[in-house]
Each structure stands twice: as C-alpha cells, then as structure tokens.
N, C-alpha and C. Protein backbone atom coordinates (compact mmCIF):
# COMPACT_ATOMS: atom_id res chain seq x y z
N UNK A 1 -13.82 29.02 -44.92
CA UNK A 1 -12.39 28.81 -45.55
C UNK A 1 -12.55 29.99 -45.88
N UNK A 2 -11.18 30.22 -45.49
CA UNK A 2 -9.91 31.40 -46.78
C UNK A 2 -9.76 31.11 -47.52
N UNK A 3 -9.76 31.75 -49.17
CA UNK A 3 -9.71 32.00 -50.02
C UNK A 3 -8.52 32.00 -49.93
N UNK A 4 -7.61 31.39 -51.66
CA UNK A 4 -6.54 32.32 -51.45
C UNK A 4 -6.53 33.63 -52.15
N UNK A 5 -7.38 34.63 -52.06
CA UNK A 5 -7.46 35.72 -53.14
C UNK A 5 -8.10 36.41 -51.43
N UNK A 6 -8.85 36.34 -50.61
CA UNK A 6 -8.90 36.86 -49.01
C UNK A 6 -7.96 36.20 -48.75
N UNK A 7 -6.77 35.39 -48.52
CA UNK A 7 -5.81 35.50 -48.14
C UNK A 7 -4.23 36.28 -48.57
N UNK A 8 -4.70 36.38 -49.29
CA UNK A 8 -3.37 37.81 -50.07
C UNK A 8 -4.06 38.92 -49.77
N UNK A 9 -5.02 39.47 -50.12
CA UNK A 9 -5.47 40.85 -49.09
C UNK A 9 -5.46 41.31 -47.91
N UNK A 10 -6.03 40.24 -47.03
CA UNK A 10 -5.40 40.04 -45.74
C UNK A 10 -4.11 40.30 -45.16
N UNK A 11 -3.54 39.32 -45.92
CA UNK A 11 -1.71 39.80 -45.83
C UNK A 11 -1.10 40.60 -46.13
N UNK A 12 -0.88 40.91 -47.45
CA UNK A 12 -1.18 42.60 -47.96
C UNK A 12 -1.29 43.89 -46.29
N UNK A 13 -2.53 43.98 -46.31
CA UNK A 13 -2.90 44.45 -45.51
C UNK A 13 -2.58 45.14 -44.02
N UNK A 14 -2.21 43.89 -43.80
CA UNK A 14 -1.91 43.56 -42.44
C UNK A 14 -0.17 43.91 -42.39
N UNK A 15 0.88 43.53 -43.10
CA UNK A 15 2.24 43.21 -43.11
C UNK A 15 2.56 44.15 -43.75
N UNK A 16 2.50 45.22 -44.88
CA UNK A 16 3.03 45.66 -46.13
C UNK A 16 2.37 47.22 -46.00
N UNK A 17 1.45 47.20 -44.99
CA UNK A 17 1.20 48.85 -45.13
C UNK A 17 2.07 49.80 -44.29
N UNK A 18 2.40 49.50 -43.28
CA UNK A 18 3.28 50.53 -42.74
C UNK A 18 4.76 50.10 -41.93
N UNK A 19 5.05 51.00 -41.44
CA UNK A 19 6.58 50.66 -40.42
C UNK A 19 6.17 50.06 -39.36
N UNK A 20 4.60 49.51 -38.67
CA UNK A 20 4.36 49.00 -37.29
C UNK A 20 3.58 47.50 -37.78
N UNK A 21 3.43 47.03 -37.02
CA UNK A 21 2.70 45.68 -37.06
C UNK A 21 1.81 45.03 -36.04
N UNK A 22 0.27 45.56 -36.20
CA UNK A 22 -0.27 45.48 -34.80
C UNK A 22 -0.81 44.00 -34.76
N UNK A 23 -1.46 43.46 -34.07
CA UNK A 23 -2.84 42.21 -34.13
C UNK A 23 -4.06 42.73 -34.87
N UNK A 24 -4.20 41.85 -35.91
CA UNK A 24 -5.61 42.55 -36.33
C UNK A 24 -6.61 42.91 -35.63
N UNK A 25 -7.56 43.30 -36.08
CA UNK A 25 -9.00 43.53 -35.19
C UNK A 25 -9.53 42.91 -35.53
N UNK A 26 -9.71 42.80 -36.98
CA UNK A 26 -11.41 41.88 -37.61
C UNK A 26 -10.46 40.23 -37.23
N UNK A 27 -11.70 39.81 -37.09
CA UNK A 27 -11.79 38.39 -36.82
C UNK A 27 -10.89 37.10 -38.17
N UNK A 28 -11.33 37.85 -39.33
CA UNK A 28 -10.77 36.97 -39.94
C UNK A 28 -9.88 37.37 -40.68
N UNK A 29 -8.77 38.73 -40.19
CA UNK A 29 -7.61 38.67 -40.45
C UNK A 29 -6.44 38.34 -39.16
N UNK A 30 -7.05 37.76 -38.16
CA UNK A 30 -6.36 37.51 -36.87
C UNK A 30 -6.63 35.81 -37.51
N UNK A 31 -7.70 35.28 -37.99
CA UNK A 31 -7.34 34.22 -38.38
C UNK A 31 -6.04 34.04 -39.59
N UNK A 32 -6.42 34.85 -40.62
CA UNK A 32 -5.23 34.99 -41.93
C UNK A 32 -3.22 35.18 -40.58
N UNK A 33 -4.03 36.36 -39.97
CA UNK A 33 -2.53 36.61 -39.78
C UNK A 33 -1.64 34.89 -38.07
N UNK A 34 -2.64 34.29 -37.60
CA UNK A 34 -2.58 33.02 -37.33
C UNK A 34 -2.10 31.82 -38.33
N UNK A 35 -2.82 32.01 -38.75
CA UNK A 35 -2.67 31.02 -40.27
C UNK A 35 -1.21 31.14 -40.60
N UNK A 36 -1.19 32.42 -41.21
CA UNK A 36 0.59 32.56 -41.25
C UNK A 36 1.66 32.24 -40.98
N UNK A 37 1.37 32.55 -39.74
CA UNK A 37 2.59 31.76 -38.59
C UNK A 37 2.57 30.35 -39.13
N UNK A 38 1.43 30.01 -38.45
CA UNK A 38 1.16 28.03 -38.01
C UNK A 38 1.71 28.41 -39.64
N UNK A 39 1.97 28.07 -41.08
CA UNK A 39 2.00 27.64 -42.29
C UNK A 39 3.86 28.14 -42.23
N UNK A 40 4.51 29.27 -41.52
CA UNK A 40 5.96 29.49 -41.68
C UNK A 40 6.28 28.04 -40.30
N UNK A 41 5.09 27.91 -39.60
CA UNK A 41 5.89 26.87 -38.46
C UNK A 41 5.78 25.72 -39.08
N UNK A 42 5.14 25.02 -39.98
CA UNK A 42 4.65 23.86 -40.49
C UNK A 42 6.31 23.38 -40.92
N UNK A 43 7.27 23.97 -41.60
CA UNK A 43 8.33 23.33 -42.18
C UNK A 43 8.63 22.80 -41.44
N UNK A 44 8.80 22.59 -40.36
CA UNK A 44 9.10 21.62 -38.94
C UNK A 44 7.80 20.82 -38.50
N UNK A 45 8.36 19.71 -38.03
CA UNK A 45 7.88 19.11 -37.21
C UNK A 45 6.95 18.80 -35.79
N UNK A 46 8.38 19.68 -35.15
CA UNK A 46 7.79 19.77 -33.92
C UNK A 46 8.81 20.82 -33.35
N UNK A 47 8.32 21.47 -32.38
CA UNK A 47 9.46 22.40 -31.88
C UNK A 47 9.31 22.14 -29.40
N UNK A 48 11.00 22.12 -29.27
CA UNK A 48 11.14 22.70 -28.11
C UNK A 48 10.67 23.93 -27.83
N UNK A 49 9.85 24.49 -26.41
CA UNK A 49 9.45 25.74 -26.01
C UNK A 49 10.25 26.38 -26.88
N UNK A 50 11.59 26.32 -26.15
CA UNK A 50 12.62 27.70 -26.29
C UNK A 50 12.66 27.43 -28.37
N UNK A 51 12.76 26.12 -28.96
CA UNK A 51 12.97 26.29 -29.70
C UNK A 51 11.72 27.66 -31.10
N UNK A 52 11.00 26.94 -30.93
CA UNK A 52 9.43 28.06 -31.48
C UNK A 52 8.87 29.57 -30.47
N UNK A 53 9.78 29.60 -29.52
CA UNK A 53 9.54 30.66 -29.17
C UNK A 53 10.93 31.95 -30.40
N UNK A 54 12.17 31.14 -30.39
CA UNK A 54 12.73 32.01 -30.93
C UNK A 54 12.35 31.83 -32.64
N UNK A 55 11.44 30.87 -33.40
CA UNK A 55 10.85 30.42 -34.75
C UNK A 55 9.86 31.75 -34.22
N UNK A 56 8.92 32.06 -33.45
CA UNK A 56 8.13 33.01 -34.02
C UNK A 56 8.43 34.83 -33.69
N UNK A 57 9.53 34.41 -33.27
CA UNK A 57 10.26 36.38 -32.73
C UNK A 57 10.83 36.18 -34.45
N UNK A 58 11.56 35.04 -34.86
CA UNK A 58 12.13 35.17 -36.03
C UNK A 58 11.15 35.54 -37.15
N UNK A 59 10.09 35.13 -36.96
CA UNK A 59 9.04 35.22 -38.32
C UNK A 59 8.74 36.88 -37.89
N UNK A 60 8.45 37.13 -36.78
CA UNK A 60 8.31 38.83 -36.57
C UNK A 60 9.19 40.05 -36.99
N UNK A 61 10.36 39.26 -36.57
CA UNK A 61 11.89 40.29 -37.27
C UNK A 61 11.68 40.16 -38.60
N UNK A 62 11.38 39.42 -39.35
CA UNK A 62 11.51 38.71 -40.75
C UNK A 62 10.86 39.87 -41.73
N UNK A 63 9.71 40.51 -41.29
CA UNK A 63 8.82 41.65 -41.75
C UNK A 63 9.14 43.36 -42.30
N UNK A 64 10.66 43.31 -41.02
CA UNK A 64 11.08 44.34 -41.07
C UNK A 64 10.27 45.52 -40.59
N UNK A 65 9.37 44.96 -39.59
CA UNK A 65 8.58 46.45 -39.16
C UNK A 65 9.11 46.44 -37.50
N UNK A 66 8.40 47.56 -37.11
CA UNK A 66 8.68 47.49 -35.18
C UNK A 66 7.20 46.30 -34.67
N UNK A 67 7.43 46.20 -33.51
CA UNK A 67 6.28 45.42 -33.16
C UNK A 67 6.21 45.51 -31.56
N UNK A 68 4.57 45.57 -30.76
CA UNK A 68 4.77 46.10 -29.77
C UNK A 68 4.30 43.62 -29.62
N UNK A 69 4.44 42.95 -30.71
CA UNK A 69 3.59 41.80 -30.53
C UNK A 69 4.77 40.86 -29.82
N UNK A 70 4.35 39.74 -29.31
CA UNK A 70 5.99 39.07 -28.74
C UNK A 70 5.38 37.03 -29.27
N UNK A 71 6.79 36.61 -28.91
CA UNK A 71 6.09 35.55 -29.42
C UNK A 71 5.44 34.41 -27.90
N UNK A 72 5.72 35.11 -26.62
CA UNK A 72 5.03 34.35 -25.40
C UNK A 72 3.29 34.21 -26.43
N UNK A 73 2.85 36.20 -26.49
CA UNK A 73 1.47 36.18 -26.76
C UNK A 73 1.07 35.35 -28.02
N UNK A 74 1.79 35.17 -29.28
CA UNK A 74 1.30 34.69 -30.19
C UNK A 74 1.55 33.53 -29.57
N UNK A 75 2.05 32.94 -29.37
CA UNK A 75 1.87 31.84 -29.10
C UNK A 75 0.54 31.06 -27.84
N UNK A 76 0.24 31.69 -27.32
CA UNK A 76 -0.60 31.57 -26.60
C UNK A 76 -1.51 31.80 -27.82
N UNK A 77 -1.86 32.90 -28.16
CA UNK A 77 -3.32 33.11 -29.48
C UNK A 77 -3.35 31.62 -30.53
N UNK A 78 -2.08 31.18 -30.78
CA UNK A 78 -1.97 29.90 -31.49
C UNK A 78 -2.11 28.59 -30.88
N UNK A 79 -2.42 28.32 -29.55
CA UNK A 79 -2.85 27.67 -28.76
C UNK A 79 -4.26 27.42 -28.59
N UNK A 80 -4.73 29.00 -28.61
CA UNK A 80 -6.15 29.63 -28.01
C UNK A 80 -7.11 29.12 -29.46
N UNK A 81 -6.52 29.47 -31.02
CA UNK A 81 -7.19 29.27 -31.97
C UNK A 81 -7.14 28.13 -32.25
N UNK A 82 -6.61 27.19 -31.82
CA UNK A 82 -6.23 25.76 -32.01
C UNK A 82 -5.31 25.41 -33.48
N UNK A 83 -4.31 26.01 -33.98
CA UNK A 83 -3.58 25.54 -34.61
C UNK A 83 -2.47 25.12 -34.03
N UNK A 84 -1.81 25.38 -32.79
CA UNK A 84 -0.76 24.97 -32.29
C UNK A 84 -0.94 23.60 -31.09
N UNK A 85 -0.19 22.22 -30.94
CA UNK A 85 -1.04 22.06 -29.57
C UNK A 85 0.77 21.69 -29.43
N UNK A 86 0.16 21.41 -28.04
CA UNK A 86 1.51 20.76 -27.19
C UNK A 86 1.25 18.76 -26.53
N UNK A 87 2.09 18.41 -26.31
CA UNK A 87 2.34 16.48 -26.28
C UNK A 87 1.94 17.50 -24.73
N UNK A 88 1.37 15.77 -24.13
CA UNK A 88 0.96 15.57 -23.22
C UNK A 88 1.74 16.13 -21.95
N UNK A 89 2.94 16.43 -22.31
CA UNK A 89 3.89 16.20 -20.77
C UNK A 89 4.80 17.78 -21.09
N UNK A 90 3.74 18.43 -22.69
CA UNK A 90 3.95 20.30 -21.96
C UNK A 90 5.29 20.59 -22.87
N UNK A 91 5.89 19.77 -23.24
CA UNK A 91 7.51 20.37 -23.61
C UNK A 91 7.51 20.03 -25.15
N UNK A 92 7.26 19.66 -25.88
CA UNK A 92 6.85 19.53 -27.03
C UNK A 92 5.24 20.64 -28.29
N UNK A 93 5.66 21.01 -28.79
CA UNK A 93 3.81 21.91 -29.96
C UNK A 93 4.82 21.78 -31.01
N UNK A 94 3.40 21.26 -32.03
CA UNK A 94 3.10 20.83 -33.34
C UNK A 94 2.54 21.98 -33.34
N UNK A 95 2.35 21.95 -35.15
CA UNK A 95 1.14 22.87 -35.70
C UNK A 95 -0.30 21.22 -36.11
N UNK A 96 -1.15 21.99 -36.03
CA UNK A 96 -2.30 20.76 -36.16
C UNK A 96 -3.20 21.31 -37.76
N UNK A 97 -2.38 20.96 -38.12
CA UNK A 97 -2.80 20.68 -40.08
C UNK A 97 -4.44 20.60 -40.22
N UNK A 98 -4.86 19.67 -39.80
CA UNK A 98 -6.53 19.75 -39.45
C UNK A 98 -6.98 20.72 -39.22
N UNK A 99 -6.26 21.68 -38.45
CA UNK A 99 -7.64 22.84 -37.85
C UNK A 99 -6.64 23.70 -39.11
N UNK A 100 -5.74 23.93 -38.99
CA UNK A 100 -5.72 24.74 -40.61
C UNK A 100 -6.43 24.49 -41.89
N UNK A 101 -6.46 23.30 -42.28
CA UNK A 101 -7.36 23.13 -42.99
C UNK A 101 -8.19 22.85 -43.03
N UNK A 102 -8.56 23.24 -41.83
CA UNK A 102 -10.26 23.93 -41.37
C UNK A 102 -10.56 24.87 -41.78
N UNK A 103 -9.81 25.74 -42.07
CA UNK A 103 -9.79 27.20 -42.03
C UNK A 103 -9.67 27.72 -43.23
N UNK A 104 -8.53 26.89 -44.15
CA UNK A 104 -7.60 27.59 -45.10
C UNK A 104 -8.37 26.44 -46.20
N UNK A 105 -8.26 27.31 -47.72
CA UNK A 105 -8.37 26.49 -48.64
C UNK A 105 -7.02 25.76 -48.90
N UNK A 106 -6.75 24.83 -49.23
CA UNK A 106 -5.95 24.03 -49.42
C UNK A 106 -4.22 25.10 -50.14
N UNK A 107 -4.80 25.44 -51.30
CA UNK A 107 -4.08 26.57 -52.02
C UNK A 107 -2.81 27.09 -51.09
N UNK A 108 -3.72 27.82 -49.99
CA UNK A 108 -3.41 28.95 -49.60
C UNK A 108 -1.62 28.08 -48.47
N UNK A 109 -1.86 26.83 -47.91
CA UNK A 109 -1.59 27.02 -47.42
C UNK A 109 0.00 26.56 -48.24
N UNK A 110 -0.10 26.22 -48.94
CA UNK A 110 2.07 26.74 -49.51
C UNK A 110 2.30 28.30 -50.15
N UNK A 111 1.08 29.45 -49.67
CA UNK A 111 1.88 29.93 -49.93
C UNK A 111 3.08 31.11 -48.79
N UNK A 112 3.78 31.88 -49.69
CA UNK A 112 4.39 32.31 -49.34
C UNK A 112 4.78 33.93 -48.46
N UNK A 113 3.91 34.13 -47.17
CA UNK A 113 3.74 35.16 -46.59
C UNK A 113 4.74 36.52 -46.68
N UNK A 114 6.12 35.63 -46.87
CA UNK A 114 6.92 37.11 -47.44
C UNK A 114 7.38 37.55 -48.45
N UNK A 115 6.39 36.80 -49.76
CA UNK A 115 6.68 36.90 -51.06
C UNK A 115 5.26 38.03 -50.98
N UNK A 116 3.83 37.82 -50.86
CA UNK A 116 3.14 38.17 -50.38
C UNK A 116 2.97 39.95 -50.23
N UNK A 117 3.99 39.99 -49.12
CA UNK A 117 4.01 41.13 -48.84
C UNK A 117 5.09 41.35 -49.06
N UNK A 118 6.10 41.84 -49.92
CA UNK A 118 7.49 42.21 -50.92
C UNK A 118 6.18 42.19 -51.74
N UNK A 119 5.60 41.48 -52.87
CA UNK A 119 4.73 41.98 -53.83
C UNK A 119 3.80 43.39 -53.23
N UNK A 120 2.73 43.19 -52.16
CA UNK A 120 2.36 44.11 -51.86
C UNK A 120 3.08 45.44 -51.86
N UNK A 121 4.09 45.34 -51.57
CA UNK A 121 5.18 47.05 -50.75
C UNK A 121 5.57 46.99 -52.16
N UNK A 122 6.40 46.59 -53.39
CA UNK A 122 6.61 46.56 -54.32
C UNK A 122 5.81 48.02 -55.08
N UNK A 123 4.28 47.29 -55.19
CA UNK A 123 2.91 47.14 -55.78
C UNK A 123 2.48 48.68 -55.47
N UNK A 124 3.22 49.17 -54.18
CA UNK A 124 2.24 50.60 -53.17
C UNK A 124 3.37 50.86 -53.59
N UNK A 125 4.83 50.88 -53.35
CA UNK A 125 6.05 52.07 -53.65
C UNK A 125 5.86 52.57 -55.33
N UNK A 126 5.33 51.97 -56.31
CA UNK A 126 4.49 52.27 -57.67
C UNK A 126 3.65 52.71 -57.66
N UNK A 127 2.53 52.58 -57.06
CA UNK A 127 1.12 53.77 -56.73
C UNK A 127 1.85 55.32 -56.48
N UNK A 128 2.88 55.28 -55.19
CA UNK A 128 3.14 56.12 -54.80
C UNK A 128 3.55 57.12 -55.61
N UNK A 129 4.51 56.49 -56.44
CA UNK A 129 5.71 57.19 -57.62
C UNK A 129 4.66 57.34 -58.79
N UNK A 130 3.50 56.60 -59.15
CA UNK A 130 2.37 57.32 -59.98
C UNK A 130 2.06 58.64 -59.93
N UNK A 131 1.84 58.85 -58.52
CA UNK A 131 1.09 60.04 -57.70
C UNK A 131 2.00 60.83 -57.47
N UNK A 132 3.38 60.92 -56.99
CA UNK A 132 4.09 62.15 -56.88
C UNK A 132 4.33 62.22 -54.99
N UNK A 133 4.08 60.69 -54.71
CA UNK A 133 3.91 60.59 -53.11
C UNK A 133 5.54 59.88 -52.55
N UNK A 134 5.70 60.90 -51.90
CA UNK A 134 7.35 60.17 -51.28
C UNK A 134 7.18 59.72 -49.91
C-alpha cells in the first residue's frame, strides 16, 4: 500500500527532476506513475478509445517535458496493471477504483500530481538559487 509521502516523493522524482520523462524503472515508481494517470482519468466515468487516447496524450503533454512515452503504450500498461478496464464489447474503458484502492491509501486518491510537481519544481529552483546553480 502506497501512502501519501511515498506517492509525493515518487511523483516529484519522476516528473519534476528534468527536461524529459521516462517510464520509471523501479516497480513502486511504476505503480505510482500509473496510479497518478489513473487518478487523473477518474474524472470521467468512462471513455471511448479515441477519447482515452487523447486524455492520456494530453496528460503527458501537461507536464511540459519531452517524452518517448505514447498513449498506446500507457493504455496497455494501465490494462496490464489492472487499473483500466474494457467493457465486453471492447469499446469503452473505465478506471477500476477498487484496484487503485488496493494499492494506494485513500488520501492519495485525492491528490493532484500537477500540484505536487509544481511545488517540487519551485523547491528545486529555490535550492539551485541557494547554491548559486543555474
């Protein structure tokens, strides 16, 4: 079970550290990455495949970093992790809130990854200024 401090640390490390975004290597960081995307996708009850693809691609773009990750790969990872369900016809997708609740403490499910990243970037810049690094 991933708690709030673990989630925030992983999000900050993965998204705020540089100019590019890669899929995390550590298993816990992968769970947090996919959890953050799933939490974002919970805003809607279900998605058609084109809508889901656009939502995932938009989420990636919203962190304003270069990435080789694509929406198709992330959609597959979400399905494999059990966070994303397809209906029997294979045309609608939805987030499995039960699977998320099994991996994350309840307070984590209300966190905004973008706000965590914003704060981490502010703190990082402050540390750079304090040490005279540009």
